[in-house]
Amino acid sequence: MALNKLRQLDRNTYGVTIPKDDLRLEGLLDENGDLVDEQHLHIQRTDDGEWTLERVENLELS
């Protein structure tokens, strides 16, 4: 089981890293290892210590 560190991003937010290999499998990285376009994820707390994350495609921002 791989472990990913929770990191403070700024005063009000924290983040968890996602390994490049996993992002590459999802087709989210180009041949140089850079993100393809802008990506959005829906993160939801499902239980104590459990979250799900789901990629949102075709997001229309108003």
N, C-alpha and C. Protein backbone atom coordinates (compact mmCIF):
# COMPACT_ATOMS: atom_id res chain seq x y z
N MET A 1 0.85 -1.18 0.00
CA MET A 1 0.00 0.00 0.00
C MET A 1 0.89 1.24 0.00
N ALA A 2 0.71 2.07 -1.02
CA ALA A 2 1.46 3.33 -1.08
C ALA A 2 0.83 4.34 -0.12
N LEU A 3 1.66 5.13 0.51
CA LEU A 3 1.19 6.18 1.40
C LEU A 3 1.50 7.53 0.78
N ASN A 4 0.55 8.44 0.90
CA ASN A 4 0.71 9.78 0.36
C ASN A 4 0.59 10.78 1.49
N LYS A 5 1.49 11.74 1.52
CA LYS A 5 1.55 12.70 2.61
C LYS A 5 0.52 13.82 2.43
N LEU A 6 -0.14 14.17 3.52
CA LEU A 6 -1.01 15.33 3.57
C LEU A 6 -0.12 16.56 3.77
N ARG A 7 -0.28 17.57 2.90
CA ARG A 7 0.59 18.75 2.95
C ARG A 7 -0.24 20.02 3.07
N GLN A 8 0.29 20.98 3.80
CA GLN A 8 -0.36 22.28 3.89
C GLN A 8 -0.02 23.07 2.64
N LEU A 9 -1.06 23.56 1.93
CA LEU A 9 -0.86 24.34 0.72
C LEU A 9 -0.82 25.84 1.00
N ASP A 10 -1.68 26.28 1.90
CA ASP A 10 -1.69 27.68 2.35
C ASP A 10 -2.34 27.69 3.72
N ARG A 11 -2.76 28.85 4.18
CA ARG A 11 -3.31 28.94 5.55
C ARG A 11 -4.62 28.18 5.72
N ASN A 12 -5.37 28.01 4.62
CA ASN A 12 -6.71 27.43 4.73
C ASN A 12 -6.91 26.11 4.01
N THR A 13 -5.91 25.63 3.28
CA THR A 13 -6.11 24.40 2.51
C THR A 13 -4.94 23.43 2.65
N TYR A 14 -5.26 22.17 2.46
CA TYR A 14 -4.29 21.09 2.49
C TYR A 14 -4.48 20.24 1.25
N GLY A 15 -3.48 19.48 0.88
CA GLY A 15 -3.57 18.65 -0.31
C GLY A 15 -2.86 17.33 -0.12
N VAL A 16 -3.22 16.38 -0.97
CA VAL A 16 -2.60 15.06 -0.99
C VAL A 16 -2.05 14.86 -2.40
N THR A 17 -0.84 14.37 -2.51
CA THR A 17 -0.26 14.16 -3.83
C THR A 17 -0.81 12.88 -4.45
N ILE A 18 -0.93 12.90 -5.77
CA ILE A 18 -1.33 11.72 -6.53
C ILE A 18 -0.14 11.35 -7.40
N PRO A 19 0.33 10.11 -7.31
CA PRO A 19 1.51 9.73 -8.10
C PRO A 19 1.30 9.92 -9.59
N LYS A 20 2.37 10.36 -10.28
CA LYS A 20 2.30 10.59 -11.73
C LYS A 20 1.88 9.33 -12.48
N ASP A 21 2.32 8.17 -12.04
CA ASP A 21 1.94 6.94 -12.74
C ASP A 21 0.43 6.76 -12.75
N ASP A 22 -0.23 7.08 -11.64
CA ASP A 22 -1.69 6.96 -11.57
C ASP A 22 -2.36 7.99 -12.48
N LEU A 23 -1.84 9.21 -12.49
CA LEU A 23 -2.39 10.25 -13.36
C LEU A 23 -2.19 9.88 -14.83
N ARG A 24 -1.04 9.28 -15.13
CA ARG A 24 -0.76 8.86 -16.51
C ARG A 24 -1.75 7.78 -16.94
N LEU A 25 -2.05 6.83 -16.06
CA LEU A 25 -3.02 5.78 -16.37
C LEU A 25 -4.40 6.34 -16.70
N GLU A 26 -4.75 7.45 -16.08
CA GLU A 26 -6.04 8.11 -16.32
C GLU A 26 -6.02 9.00 -17.56
N GLY A 27 -4.86 9.13 -18.18
CA GLY A 27 -4.75 9.98 -19.36
C GLY A 27 -4.71 11.46 -19.04
N LEU A 28 -4.30 11.81 -17.83
CA LEU A 28 -4.30 13.20 -17.42
C LEU A 28 -2.97 13.90 -17.64
N LEU A 29 -1.95 13.16 -18.09
CA LEU A 29 -0.63 13.74 -18.34
C LEU A 29 -0.26 13.58 -19.80
N ASP A 30 0.46 14.57 -20.33
CA ASP A 30 0.94 14.47 -21.71
C ASP A 30 2.25 13.69 -21.75
N GLU A 31 2.87 13.62 -22.93
CA GLU A 31 4.10 12.83 -23.09
C GLU A 31 5.27 13.39 -22.29
N ASN A 32 5.19 14.67 -21.86
CA ASN A 32 6.24 15.28 -21.04
C ASN A 32 5.97 15.16 -19.55
N GLY A 33 4.85 14.54 -19.18
CA GLY A 33 4.51 14.40 -17.77
C GLY A 33 3.81 15.62 -17.20
N ASP A 34 3.31 16.50 -18.07
CA ASP A 34 2.58 17.68 -17.62
C ASP A 34 1.08 17.43 -17.71
N LEU A 35 0.32 18.10 -16.85
CA LEU A 35 -1.13 17.96 -16.88
C LEU A 35 -1.71 18.38 -18.22
N VAL A 36 -2.65 17.59 -18.70
CA VAL A 36 -3.37 17.90 -19.92
C VAL A 36 -4.54 18.80 -19.53
N ASP A 37 -4.54 20.03 -20.05
CA ASP A 37 -5.61 20.98 -19.78
C ASP A 37 -5.81 21.19 -18.28
N GLU A 38 -6.94 21.76 -17.93
CA GLU A 38 -7.30 22.00 -16.54
C GLU A 38 -8.16 20.83 -16.07
N GLN A 39 -7.87 20.30 -14.91
CA GLN A 39 -8.60 19.14 -14.40
C GLN A 39 -9.36 19.53 -13.12
N HIS A 40 -10.56 18.98 -12.96
CA HIS A 40 -11.35 19.21 -11.75
C HIS A 40 -11.72 17.87 -11.14
N LEU A 41 -11.69 17.83 -9.81
CA LEU A 41 -12.04 16.62 -9.08
C LEU A 41 -13.10 16.96 -8.03
N HIS A 42 -14.01 16.03 -7.84
CA HIS A 42 -14.99 16.16 -6.75
C HIS A 42 -14.49 15.27 -5.62
N ILE A 43 -14.27 15.88 -4.46
CA ILE A 43 -13.78 15.15 -3.29
C ILE A 43 -14.88 15.15 -2.26
N GLN A 44 -15.20 13.96 -1.75
CA GLN A 44 -16.29 13.83 -0.80
C GLN A 44 -15.86 12.96 0.37
N ARG A 45 -16.11 13.44 1.57
CA ARG A 45 -15.85 12.64 2.77
C ARG A 45 -16.97 11.62 2.88
N THR A 46 -16.61 10.34 2.95
CA THR A 46 -17.61 9.28 2.98
C THR A 46 -17.75 8.61 4.34
N ASP A 47 -16.73 8.72 5.19
CA ASP A 47 -16.76 8.10 6.52
C ASP A 47 -15.56 8.63 7.30
N ASP A 48 -15.44 8.25 8.55
CA ASP A 48 -14.28 8.66 9.34
C ASP A 48 -13.02 8.18 8.64
N GLY A 49 -12.16 9.12 8.26
CA GLY A 49 -10.89 8.79 7.63
C GLY A 49 -11.00 8.29 6.19
N GLU A 50 -12.17 8.44 5.56
CA GLU A 50 -12.35 7.96 4.19
C GLU A 50 -12.93 9.06 3.31
N TRP A 51 -12.33 9.20 2.13
CA TRP A 51 -12.80 10.14 1.13
C TRP A 51 -12.82 9.45 -0.22
N THR A 52 -13.66 9.93 -1.11
CA THR A 52 -13.61 9.47 -2.49
C THR A 52 -13.24 10.68 -3.35
N LEU A 53 -12.61 10.42 -4.46
CA LEU A 53 -12.37 11.49 -5.39
C LEU A 53 -12.70 11.01 -6.78
N GLU A 54 -13.39 11.89 -7.51
CA GLU A 54 -13.92 11.54 -8.82
C GLU A 54 -13.61 12.68 -9.79
N ARG A 55 -13.05 12.32 -10.94
CA ARG A 55 -12.76 13.33 -11.96
C ARG A 55 -14.07 13.81 -12.57
N VAL A 56 -14.19 15.12 -12.72
CA VAL A 56 -15.38 15.73 -13.31
C VAL A 56 -15.01 16.21 -14.70
N GLU A 57 -15.67 15.66 -15.71
CA GLU A 57 -15.39 16.06 -17.08
C GLU A 57 -16.51 16.98 -17.58
N ASN A 58 -16.19 17.76 -18.57
CA ASN A 58 -17.17 18.67 -19.18
C ASN A 58 -17.81 19.59 -18.16
N LEU A 59 -16.99 20.12 -17.27
CA LEU A 59 -17.48 21.02 -16.24
C LEU A 59 -17.81 22.36 -16.86
N GLU A 60 -19.01 22.82 -16.64
CA GLU A 60 -19.42 24.13 -17.14
C GLU A 60 -19.46 25.10 -15.97
N LEU A 61 -18.53 26.05 -15.96
CA LEU A 61 -18.49 27.05 -14.91
C LEU A 61 -19.30 28.26 -15.35
N SER A 62 -20.13 28.75 -14.44
CA SER A 62 -20.93 29.92 -14.82
C SER A 62 -20.47 31.15 -14.09
